[in-house]
Amino acid sequence: MPQYILAIHHPDNYDPSSESEAMLQDISRLNQEMIAAGVRKLACGLGKAISLRAQPSGEVVVTDGPYLETREHVGGFWILETADLEEALSWARKATQACRAPAEVREMFFRRPASTKD
């Protein structure tokens, strides 16, 4: 079955302390529903981003903040294993309502390592 990442986006000035008890309960219920349906493989919130950029000199520069400058950032995500994209989108609709935030769904692709001959 295909796997999808369902990401929740927050504005840059998002304050986690503004999350209401009702919202946290809705997210908890959604997680329990996903687990009961057998689609949730992983779920987590994300902290502050730290970016690393390789320089032509070989040095790696480390900076605070996301690599891309945007008005939003990924605040958390689920990894779902569903029958198809339509089922993943159905869960995303519920996540958008529970989290009171926009969501994004992307299919995940896995490549097998190239075989080596010894």
C-alpha atoms as a PDB file:
ATOM      1  CA  MET A   1       0.000   0.000   0.000  1.00  0.00           C
ATOM      2  CA  PRO A   2       1.232   3.505  -0.709  1.00  0.00           C
ATOM      3  CA  GLN A   3       2.435   5.791   2.056  1.00  0.00           C
ATOM      4  CA  TYR A   4       1.737   9.501   2.324  1.00  0.00           C
ATOM      5  CA  ILE A   5       3.074  12.317   4.428  1.00  0.00           C
ATOM      6  CA  LEU A   6       0.335  14.548   5.794  1.00  0.00           C
ATOM      7  CA  ALA A   7       1.942  17.800   6.935  1.00  0.00           C
ATOM      8  CA  ILE A   8       0.300  20.555   8.983  1.00  0.00           C
ATOM      9  CA  HIS A   9       1.410  24.121   8.274  1.00  0.00           C
ATOM     10  CA  HIS A  10       1.613  26.922  10.834  1.00  0.00           C
ATOM     11  CA  PRO A  11       2.259  30.624  10.269  1.00  0.00           C
ATOM     12  CA  ASP A  12       5.774  31.806  11.150  1.00  0.00           C
ATOM     13  CA  ASN A  13       4.489  33.601  14.254  1.00  0.00           C
ATOM     14  CA  TYR A  14       2.631  30.493  15.518  1.00  0.00           C
ATOM     15  CA  ASP A  15       2.459  30.259  19.297  1.00  0.00           C
ATOM     16  CA  PRO A  16       1.879  26.676  20.539  1.00  0.00           C
ATOM     17  CA  SER A  17       0.552  28.042  23.831  1.00  0.00           C
ATOM     18  CA  SER A  18      -2.471  29.301  21.865  1.00  0.00           C
ATOM     19  CA  GLU A  19      -3.639  25.722  21.251  1.00  0.00           C
ATOM     20  CA  SER A  20      -6.954  25.199  23.014  1.00  0.00           C
ATOM     21  CA  GLU A  21      -7.834  22.151  25.052  1.00  0.00           C
ATOM     22  CA  ALA A  22     -10.597  21.412  22.527  1.00  0.00           C
ATOM     23  CA  MET A  23      -8.072  21.402  19.680  1.00  0.00           C
ATOM     24  CA  LEU A  24      -5.715  19.075  21.546  1.00  0.00           C
ATOM     25  CA  GLN A  25      -8.625  16.712  22.254  1.00  0.00           C
ATOM     26  CA  ASP A  26      -9.654  16.778  18.579  1.00  0.00           C
ATOM     27  CA  ILE A  27      -6.091  15.901  17.521  1.00  0.00           C
ATOM     28  CA  SER A  28      -5.952  13.111  20.107  1.00  0.00           C
ATOM     29  CA  ARG A  29      -9.263  11.684  18.835  1.00  0.00           C
ATOM     30  CA  LEU A  30      -7.990  11.858  15.260  1.00  0.00           C
ATOM     31  CA  ASN A  31      -4.817   9.992  16.261  1.00  0.00           C
ATOM     32  CA  GLN A  32      -6.866   7.295  17.979  1.00  0.00           C
ATOM     33  CA  GLU A  33      -9.094   7.001  14.905  1.00  0.00           C
ATOM     34  CA  MET A  34      -6.048   6.666  12.630  1.00  0.00           C
ATOM     35  CA  ILE A  35      -4.533   3.996  14.894  1.00  0.00           C
ATOM     36  CA  ALA A  36      -7.815   2.057  15.034  1.00  0.00           C
ATOM     37  CA  ALA A  37      -8.042   2.175  11.220  1.00  0.00           C
ATOM     38  CA  GLY A  38      -4.455   0.922  10.949  1.00  0.00           C
ATOM     39  CA  VAL A  39      -3.311   3.807   8.732  1.00  0.00           C
ATOM     40  CA  ARG A  40      -1.076   5.780  11.103  1.00  0.00           C
ATOM     41  CA  LYS A  41       2.567   4.717  10.950  1.00  0.00           C
ATOM     42  CA  LEU A  42       4.101   7.775  12.649  1.00  0.00           C
ATOM     43  CA  ALA A  43       2.970  11.133  14.007  1.00  0.00           C
ATOM     44  CA  CYS A  44       4.938  13.985  15.529  1.00  0.00           C
ATOM     45  CA  GLY A  45       5.217  17.704  16.028  1.00  0.00           C
ATOM     46  CA  LEU A  46       8.285  19.593  14.924  1.00  0.00           C
ATOM     47  CA  GLY A  47      10.428  22.150  16.721  1.00  0.00           C
ATOM     48  CA  LYS A  48      12.471  25.037  15.408  1.00  0.00           C
ATOM     49  CA  ALA A  49      14.373  24.417  12.168  1.00  0.00           C
ATOM     50  CA  ILE A  50      18.148  24.554  11.818  1.00  0.00           C
ATOM     51  CA  SER A  51      19.488  24.635   8.260  1.00  0.00           C
ATOM     52  CA  LEU A  52      22.805  23.393   6.913  1.00  0.00           C
ATOM     53  CA  ARG A  53      24.241  24.534   3.583  1.00  0.00           C
ATOM     54  CA  ALA A  54      27.324  23.102   1.919  1.00  0.00           C
ATOM     55  CA  GLN A  55      29.607  25.784   0.497  1.00  0.00           C
ATOM     56  CA  PRO A  56      31.866  25.400  -2.568  1.00  0.00           C
ATOM     57  CA  SER A  57      34.838  25.521  -0.185  1.00  0.00           C
ATOM     58  CA  GLY A  58      33.592  22.346   1.511  1.00  0.00           C
ATOM     59  CA  GLU A  59      32.573  24.214   4.656  1.00  0.00           C
ATOM     60  CA  VAL A  60      29.040  23.601   5.956  1.00  0.00           C
ATOM     61  CA  VAL A  61      27.252  26.686   7.261  1.00  0.00           C
ATOM     62  CA  VAL A  62      24.691  26.170  10.032  1.00  0.00           C
ATOM     63  CA  THR A  63      21.958  28.781  10.537  1.00  0.00           C
ATOM     64  CA  ASP A  64      18.819  29.097  12.617  1.00  0.00           C
ATOM     65  CA  GLY A  65      15.543  28.858  10.793  1.00  0.00           C
ATOM     66  CA  PRO A  66      14.214  26.969   7.810  1.00  0.00           C
ATOM     67  CA  TYR A  67      16.163  26.729   4.585  1.00  0.00           C
ATOM     68  CA  LEU A  68      13.384  28.421   2.628  1.00  0.00           C
ATOM     69  CA  GLU A  69      11.994  31.782   3.626  1.00  0.00           C
ATOM     70  CA  THR A  70       8.222  31.392   3.698  1.00  0.00           C
ATOM     71  CA  ARG A  71       5.266  32.722   5.636  1.00  0.00           C
ATOM     72  CA  GLU A  72       4.507  29.216   6.912  1.00  0.00           C
ATOM     73  CA  HIS A  73       6.412  26.227   8.226  1.00  0.00           C
ATOM     74  CA  VAL A  74       5.651  22.568   8.873  1.00  0.00           C
ATOM     75  CA  GLY A  75       4.518  22.259  12.464  1.00  0.00           C
ATOM     76  CA  GLY A  76       3.984  18.503  12.489  1.00  0.00           C
ATOM     77  CA  PHE A  77       3.170  15.528  10.338  1.00  0.00           C
ATOM     78  CA  TRP A  78       1.753  12.041  10.071  1.00  0.00           C
ATOM     79  CA  ILE A  79       2.999   9.161   7.949  1.00  0.00           C
ATOM     80  CA  LEU A  80      -0.063   7.296   6.698  1.00  0.00           C
ATOM     81  CA  GLU A  81      -0.353   4.025   4.824  1.00  0.00           C
ATOM     82  CA  THR A  82      -3.618   4.050   2.904  1.00  0.00           C
ATOM     83  CA  ALA A  83      -5.184   2.253  -0.023  1.00  0.00           C
ATOM     84  CA  ASP A  84      -4.877   5.289  -2.268  1.00  0.00           C
ATOM     85  CA  LEU A  85      -4.615   9.079  -2.487  1.00  0.00           C
ATOM     86  CA  GLU A  86      -8.358   9.557  -1.954  1.00  0.00           C
ATOM     87  CA  GLU A  87      -8.164   7.829   1.423  1.00  0.00           C
ATOM     88  CA  ALA A  88      -5.133   9.930   2.396  1.00  0.00           C
ATOM     89  CA  LEU A  89      -7.032  13.087   1.415  1.00  0.00           C
ATOM     90  CA  SER A  90      -9.964  11.967   3.546  1.00  0.00           C
ATOM     91  CA  TRP A  91      -7.656  11.815   6.585  1.00  0.00           C
ATOM     92  CA  ALA A  92      -6.129  15.174   5.613  1.00  0.00           C
ATOM     93  CA  ARG A  93      -9.574  16.785   5.678  1.00  0.00           C
ATOM     94  CA  LYS A  94     -10.020  15.557   9.242  1.00  0.00           C
ATOM     95  CA  ALA A  95      -6.524  16.739  10.215  1.00  0.00           C
ATOM     96  CA  THR A  96      -7.175  20.216   8.821  1.00  0.00           C
ATOM     97  CA  GLN A  97     -10.285  20.473  10.975  1.00  0.00           C
ATOM     98  CA  ALA A  98      -8.688  18.997  14.112  1.00  0.00           C
ATOM     99  CA  CYS A  99      -5.534  21.133  13.876  1.00  0.00           C
ATOM    100  CA  ARG A 100      -7.351  24.246  12.645  1.00  0.00           C
ATOM    101  CA  ALA A 101      -4.549  24.680  10.125  1.00  0.00           C
ATOM    102  CA  PRO A 102      -3.807  24.022   6.453  1.00  0.00           C
ATOM    103  CA  ALA A 103      -2.495  20.599   5.461  1.00  0.00           C
ATOM    104  CA  GLU A 104      -0.477  19.164   2.608  1.00  0.00           C
ATOM    105  CA  VAL A 105      -0.417  15.560   1.359  1.00  0.00           C
ATOM    106  CA  ARG A 106       2.427  14.018  -0.630  1.00  0.00           C
ATOM    107  CA  GLU A 107       2.989  10.450  -1.681  1.00  0.00           C
ATOM    108  CA  MET A 108       6.247   8.968  -0.411  1.00  0.00           C
ATOM    109  CA  PHE A 109       8.504   7.016  -2.750  1.00  0.00           C
ATOM    110  CA  PHE A 110      11.101   4.506  -1.675  1.00  0.00           C
ATOM    111  CA  ARG A 111      13.960   3.308  -3.830  1.00  0.00           C
ATOM    112  CA  ARG A 112      15.652   0.032  -3.379  1.00  0.00           C
ATOM    113  CA  PRO A 113      19.403   0.266  -2.979  1.00  0.00           C
ATOM    114  CA  ALA A 114      21.374  -0.730  -6.048  1.00  0.00           C
ATOM    115  CA  SER A 115      22.523  -4.290  -5.772  1.00  0.00           C
ATOM    116  CA  THR A 116      26.227  -4.858  -5.500  1.00  0.00           C
ATOM    117  CA  LYS A 117      28.140  -7.778  -6.859  1.00  0.00           C
ATOM    118  CA  ASP A 118      30.786  -9.137  -4.498  1.00  0.00           C
END
